[in-house]
Amino acid sequence: MGASPRIGEALPPAARRLLADMGLLDAFLRERHTPCYGNRSVWGARTPEVTDFMRDPDGHGWHLDRARFDSWLRFIAVARGARLLAPASPSLIRRADGRWQVQLTTHRGIVDLSAAFAIDAGGRAAPLARRLGAKRHVTDRLVCGWVHGRARPSGRGIGLTTVEAISDGWWYTAPLPEERRVLAFLTDADLPAARIAHLGIRLAEHAADTDEVGAILAECEFTPEQGGFTAAHSSTLERCIGDGWIAAGDASMTFDPLSSQGLMHALFSGLAAAEAADSYLCGDSAAPARYHQMMHGIQGAYQRRLAFSYSAETRWPWAPFWQRRQFGGLHQP
């Protein structure tokens, strides 16, 4: 199955420990993704500020070739005994006699499966949880327009993730493996600036008007090639567990890209959900409840940190995008 370009290309230094716990660190390092040595931000002032990872006990993070990273994880899962059916969509999900009966539509026809426990890792759509009545609580209207392209490995943007705030939202850019770069613009879906996020490869034309991001794109001679648009709002699934099932990754909760937490959460919650499912099947009926409590704690810490990050930008108190995020009060759609 071919992998298409995706937004979400950064792993923080702490991912090193998680990959080691999964027995994947050495294999991941052999994939030779681009090191990320820190963050460069124009946030709260016009002067760029750099936060490096030199003193981080876990070392540097990584800028990923996300499509290749996802394909690698699927390969590892199959090598460890998983059965991969892709592409596939569920046409029937029901629980009977303590087991799940699932019918999948694949390119080879209908496939019937039976399982004692289910993990919903279906992204924001949360197909299993939503069918079972779980509701998603959305706290803002953030959307993201992005573009991938060619770029020379030179200039001030080497090895760094860069964010730059503007009156209507914020810009993001980072280098990728094989002399590539990603550019993204984030704003609220109901604001006039949202039309910029829909521009695809023309996104770079608007980024040229920014001070820091524009200079980085000029220095590296960024050439946009393929763009996209996606939801980027924060949300929580209420609840993320049920009778014989657990939600993990974006199905359980989604994160503002400013937090750089989405991909890390996908890996961590996937491992935690698998461990909870294993414990439950071995007779520990309280395991899913502990998982739910853990996810609740993560959500609380995330909301506090995100509110603090947005409160640091005070240059446009009159702008709707920032008014909605003042004093930690994210906009309720």
Foldseek 3Di string as FASTA:
>chain_A
DAFDADPQFKDFLVVLVLCVVVVRNVVVVVVVKAWAFWAWEAFLHNDIDTDGCPVPPSGTIGGESVRVVVVVVVVVCVVVPDDDAPPKDWPDWDDDPQKIWTWIQGPVGIDIDIGNFEEQAPAQPSVVLVVVPKDKFFQFQKKKKKFKFAWAQDDDQHSYWYKYDDLFFIKIKHATPPRMIMIMTMGGPPDPCVVLSVPWQCVLVVLCPDDPSVVRCVGGVTHTDTMDMGTQTWMAIVFQDDRRYGYFQNSGIGARVVVSCRVVRRSVRVVLRVVLNVVVVVPPVCSRVVSRVVVVVVVVVRLVVVLVRLCSHDPNCPRPRSVCSHPSNHHRD
